[in-house]
Amino acid sequence: MRFTLGMMIGRLVVAAIASIAAGAAAAWVARRVRTTALALGAVLVVLFVPVHVRLWETFPAWYHAVFLLSLAPLAWLGARLGARRPAQG
């Protein structure tokens, strides 16, 4: 597996969109932004650390750092965006 810089950035963009969407969906279902975002972020990190350990030689260290460090904040952002708003009127 050989990836160009553009391919790695593309993978990170797709992962960012997926993390935001996951946070939005989780908050929409659970209706609890803070708890949901923290739990989802923790679960994503726990699930992806072993994957990135196995792939350590395939990607540069900055790629792993950006991916793993962005999971929780992007899930939180998605949860904030996806939280149900109270009906007005």
N, C-alpha and C. Protein backbone atom coordinates (compact mmCIF):
# COMPACT_ATOMS: atom_id res chain seq x y z
N MET A 1 0.84 -1.18 0.00
CA MET A 1 0.00 0.00 0.00
C MET A 1 0.88 1.24 0.00
N ARG A 2 0.81 1.96 -1.08
CA ARG A 2 1.55 3.22 -1.18
C ARG A 2 0.56 4.34 -1.44
N PHE A 3 0.64 5.38 -0.64
CA PHE A 3 -0.28 6.48 -0.76
C PHE A 3 0.48 7.78 -1.00
N THR A 4 -0.03 8.58 -1.92
CA THR A 4 0.54 9.90 -2.14
C THR A 4 0.01 10.84 -1.06
N LEU A 5 0.59 12.03 -0.98
CA LEU A 5 0.12 13.01 -0.02
C LEU A 5 -1.35 13.34 -0.26
N GLY A 6 -1.72 13.50 -1.52
CA GLY A 6 -3.12 13.79 -1.85
C GLY A 6 -4.06 12.67 -1.42
N MET A 7 -3.63 11.45 -1.58
CA MET A 7 -4.46 10.31 -1.17
C MET A 7 -4.62 10.28 0.35
N MET A 8 -3.54 10.57 1.07
CA MET A 8 -3.64 10.57 2.53
C MET A 8 -4.55 11.69 3.01
N ILE A 9 -4.44 12.87 2.41
CA ILE A 9 -5.32 13.97 2.78
C ILE A 9 -6.76 13.62 2.45
N GLY A 10 -6.99 12.99 1.31
CA GLY A 10 -8.34 12.55 0.95
C GLY A 10 -8.90 11.57 1.97
N ARG A 11 -8.09 10.65 2.43
CA ARG A 11 -8.53 9.69 3.45
C ARG A 11 -8.87 10.40 4.76
N LEU A 12 -8.07 11.40 5.11
CA LEU A 12 -8.34 12.15 6.34
C LEU A 12 -9.63 12.97 6.22
N VAL A 13 -9.88 13.52 5.05
CA VAL A 13 -11.13 14.28 4.83
C VAL A 13 -12.34 13.36 4.94
N VAL A 14 -12.26 12.19 4.32
CA VAL A 14 -13.37 11.23 4.42
C VAL A 14 -13.58 10.81 5.87
N ALA A 15 -12.50 10.57 6.59
CA ALA A 15 -12.61 10.19 8.01
C ALA A 15 -13.22 11.32 8.83
N ALA A 16 -12.86 12.55 8.53
CA ALA A 16 -13.42 13.70 9.25
C ALA A 16 -14.92 13.81 9.01
N ILE A 17 -15.33 13.67 7.77
CA ILE A 17 -16.76 13.72 7.45
C ILE A 17 -17.51 12.59 8.15
N ALA A 18 -16.93 11.40 8.15
CA ALA A 18 -17.57 10.26 8.81
C ALA A 18 -17.66 10.48 10.32
N SER A 19 -16.63 11.05 10.94
CA SER A 19 -16.66 11.31 12.38
C SER A 19 -17.72 12.35 12.73
N ILE A 20 -17.82 13.39 11.93
CA ILE A 20 -18.84 14.41 12.16
C ILE A 20 -20.23 13.82 12.00
N ALA A 21 -20.42 13.03 10.95
CA ALA A 21 -21.73 12.39 10.72
C ALA A 21 -22.08 11.43 11.85
N ALA A 22 -21.10 10.68 12.33
CA ALA A 22 -21.36 9.75 13.43
C ALA A 22 -21.75 10.50 14.70
N GLY A 23 -21.07 11.59 14.98
CA GLY A 23 -21.42 12.41 16.14
C GLY A 23 -22.81 13.00 16.02
N ALA A 24 -23.16 13.48 14.83
CA ALA A 24 -24.48 14.05 14.60
C ALA A 24 -25.57 13.00 14.77
N ALA A 25 -25.35 11.84 14.20
CA ALA A 25 -26.35 10.76 14.31
C ALA A 25 -26.50 10.31 15.75
N ALA A 26 -25.40 10.16 16.46
CA ALA A 26 -25.46 9.71 17.85
C ALA A 26 -26.19 10.73 18.73
N ALA A 27 -25.91 12.01 18.54
CA ALA A 27 -26.57 13.03 19.35
C ALA A 27 -28.05 13.15 18.98
N TRP A 28 -28.36 12.98 17.73
CA TRP A 28 -29.76 13.05 17.30
C TRP A 28 -30.58 11.93 17.95
N VAL A 29 -29.99 10.75 18.03
CA VAL A 29 -30.68 9.62 18.63
C VAL A 29 -30.71 9.74 20.15
N ALA A 30 -29.59 10.08 20.77
CA ALA A 30 -29.49 10.08 22.22
C ALA A 30 -30.02 11.36 22.88
N ARG A 31 -30.02 12.45 22.16
CA ARG A 31 -30.46 13.76 22.67
C ARG A 31 -29.58 14.31 23.78
N ARG A 32 -28.43 13.75 23.96
CA ARG A 32 -27.49 14.24 24.97
C ARG A 32 -26.16 14.52 24.29
N VAL A 33 -25.90 15.77 24.06
CA VAL A 33 -24.72 16.14 23.28
C VAL A 33 -23.42 15.79 23.99
N ARG A 34 -23.25 16.26 25.20
CA ARG A 34 -21.97 16.09 25.89
C ARG A 34 -21.65 14.62 26.15
N THR A 35 -22.57 13.91 26.76
CA THR A 35 -22.34 12.50 27.09
C THR A 35 -22.15 11.68 25.83
N THR A 36 -22.99 11.91 24.85
CA THR A 36 -22.90 11.16 23.59
C THR A 36 -21.59 11.42 22.88
N ALA A 37 -21.19 12.68 22.80
CA ALA A 37 -19.96 13.02 22.10
C ALA A 37 -18.74 12.43 22.80
N LEU A 38 -18.71 12.51 24.12
CA LEU A 38 -17.58 11.94 24.86
C LEU A 38 -17.51 10.43 24.69
N ALA A 39 -18.64 9.77 24.80
CA ALA A 39 -18.67 8.31 24.67
C ALA A 39 -18.27 7.89 23.25
N LEU A 40 -18.84 8.55 22.26
CA LEU A 40 -18.51 8.21 20.87
C LEU A 40 -17.05 8.46 20.57
N GLY A 41 -16.53 9.59 21.00
CA GLY A 41 -15.11 9.90 20.78
C GLY A 41 -14.21 8.86 21.41
N ALA A 42 -14.53 8.45 22.63
CA ALA A 42 -13.73 7.43 23.32
C ALA A 42 -13.80 6.09 22.60
N VAL A 43 -14.99 5.71 22.18
CA VAL A 43 -15.16 4.43 21.46
C VAL A 43 -14.38 4.45 20.14
N LEU A 44 -14.47 5.55 19.41
CA LEU A 44 -13.75 5.64 18.14
C LEU A 44 -12.24 5.52 18.34
N VAL A 45 -11.72 6.20 19.34
CA VAL A 45 -10.28 6.13 19.59
C VAL A 45 -9.88 4.71 19.98
N VAL A 46 -10.64 4.09 20.88
CA VAL A 46 -10.32 2.72 21.32
C VAL A 46 -10.36 1.75 20.15
N LEU A 47 -11.32 1.92 19.26
CA LEU A 47 -11.42 1.01 18.11
C LEU A 47 -10.34 1.24 17.07
N PHE A 48 -9.92 2.49 16.88
CA PHE A 48 -8.96 2.78 15.81
C PHE A 48 -7.50 2.70 16.22
N VAL A 49 -7.17 2.79 17.50
CA VAL A 49 -5.76 2.69 17.90
C VAL A 49 -5.15 1.36 17.46
N PRO A 50 -5.79 0.21 17.70
CA PRO A 50 -5.18 -1.05 17.24
C PRO A 50 -5.01 -1.12 15.72
N VAL A 51 -5.94 -0.55 14.99
CA VAL A 51 -5.83 -0.52 13.52
C VAL A 51 -4.60 0.27 13.11
N HIS A 52 -4.41 1.42 13.73
CA HIS A 52 -3.28 2.26 13.35
C HIS A 52 -1.95 1.70 13.84
N VAL A 53 -1.98 0.94 14.92
CA VAL A 53 -0.75 0.26 15.34
C VAL A 53 -0.32 -0.75 14.27
N ARG A 54 -1.30 -1.49 13.74
CA ARG A 54 -0.99 -2.45 12.68
C ARG A 54 -0.52 -1.76 11.40
N LEU A 55 -1.02 -0.56 11.14
CA LEU A 55 -0.69 0.17 9.91
C LEU A 55 0.44 1.18 10.11
N TRP A 56 1.12 1.13 11.24
CA TRP A 56 2.11 2.15 11.58
C TRP A 56 3.15 2.36 10.48
N GLU A 57 3.62 1.30 9.89
CA GLU A 57 4.67 1.40 8.86
C GLU A 57 4.13 1.90 7.52
N THR A 58 2.83 1.82 7.32
CA THR A 58 2.23 2.19 6.04
C THR A 58 2.09 3.69 5.87
N PHE A 59 1.88 4.40 6.95
CA PHE A 59 1.64 5.84 6.90
C PHE A 59 2.66 6.56 7.78
N PRO A 60 2.94 7.84 7.47
CA PRO A 60 3.85 8.60 8.33
C PRO A 60 3.19 8.91 9.69
N ALA A 61 4.00 9.22 10.67
CA ALA A 61 3.51 9.47 12.02
C ALA A 61 2.49 10.61 12.06
N TRP A 62 2.70 11.66 11.24
CA TRP A 62 1.77 12.78 11.26
C TRP A 62 0.36 12.34 10.87
N TYR A 63 0.26 11.38 9.96
CA TYR A 63 -1.05 10.90 9.51
C TYR A 63 -1.79 10.25 10.68
N HIS A 64 -1.10 9.38 11.40
CA HIS A 64 -1.72 8.71 12.56
C HIS A 64 -2.12 9.74 13.61
N ALA A 65 -1.24 10.71 13.87
CA ALA A 65 -1.52 11.72 14.88
C ALA A 65 -2.76 12.54 14.50
N VAL A 66 -2.81 13.00 13.25
CA VAL A 66 -3.96 13.80 12.81
C VAL A 66 -5.24 12.98 12.91
N PHE A 67 -5.20 11.75 12.44
CA PHE A 67 -6.41 10.93 12.46
C PHE A 67 -6.89 10.67 13.89
N LEU A 68 -6.00 10.16 14.73
CA LEU A 68 -6.41 9.77 16.08
C LEU A 68 -6.76 10.97 16.96
N LEU A 69 -6.03 12.07 16.82
CA LEU A 69 -6.31 13.24 17.65
C LEU A 69 -7.55 14.00 17.20
N SER A 70 -8.00 13.78 15.97
CA SER A 70 -9.18 14.50 15.48
C SER A 70 -10.48 13.73 15.72
N LEU A 71 -10.41 12.47 16.06
CA LEU A 71 -11.63 11.67 16.22
C LEU A 71 -12.60 12.25 17.25
N ALA A 72 -12.14 12.46 18.47
CA ALA A 72 -13.02 12.95 19.53
C ALA A 72 -13.53 14.37 19.26
N PRO A 73 -12.66 15.33 18.87
CA PRO A 73 -13.19 16.67 18.60
C PRO A 73 -14.19 16.71 17.44
N LEU A 74 -13.97 15.92 16.41
CA LEU A 74 -14.91 15.93 15.29
C LEU A 74 -16.21 15.24 15.65
N ALA A 75 -16.15 14.20 16.48
CA ALA A 75 -17.39 13.57 16.96
C ALA A 75 -18.16 14.56 17.82
N TRP A 76 -17.46 15.34 18.64
CA TRP A 76 -18.11 16.36 19.46
C TRP A 76 -18.76 17.42 18.58
N LEU A 77 -18.05 17.86 17.55
CA LEU A 77 -18.60 18.85 16.62
C LEU A 77 -19.86 18.31 15.96
N GLY A 78 -19.80 17.09 15.50
CA GLY A 78 -20.98 16.47 14.89
C GLY A 78 -22.13 16.35 15.86
N ALA A 79 -21.83 16.03 17.12
CA ALA A 79 -22.88 15.93 18.13
C ALA A 79 -23.53 17.29 18.36
N ARG A 80 -22.72 18.33 18.37
CA ARG A 80 -23.27 19.69 18.53
C ARG A 80 -24.16 20.06 17.35
N LEU A 81 -23.73 19.69 16.16
CA LEU A 81 -24.51 20.02 14.96
C LEU A 81 -25.77 19.17 14.85
N GLY A 82 -25.73 17.96 15.35
CA GLY A 82 -26.84 17.04 15.18
C GLY A 82 -27.83 17.00 16.31
N ALA A 83 -27.57 17.77 17.36
CA ALA A 83 -28.48 17.76 18.51
C ALA A 83 -29.84 18.30 18.09
N ARG A 84 -30.85 17.68 18.60
CA ARG A 84 -32.22 18.13 18.31
C ARG A 84 -32.47 19.46 19.00
N ARG A 85 -33.07 20.33 18.27
CA ARG A 85 -33.44 21.63 18.83
C ARG A 85 -34.89 21.56 19.32
N PRO A 86 -35.19 22.22 20.43
CA PRO A 86 -36.58 22.22 20.88
C PRO A 86 -37.50 22.90 19.88
N ALA A 87 -38.69 22.39 19.74
CA ALA A 87 -39.65 22.97 18.81
C ALA A 87 -40.04 24.36 19.29
N GLN A 88 -40.12 25.26 18.37
CA GLN A 88 -40.50 26.63 18.72
C GLN A 88 -41.97 26.85 18.42
N GLY A 89 -42.61 27.64 19.27
CA GLY A 89 -44.00 27.99 19.03
C GLY A 89 -44.88 26.93 19.49
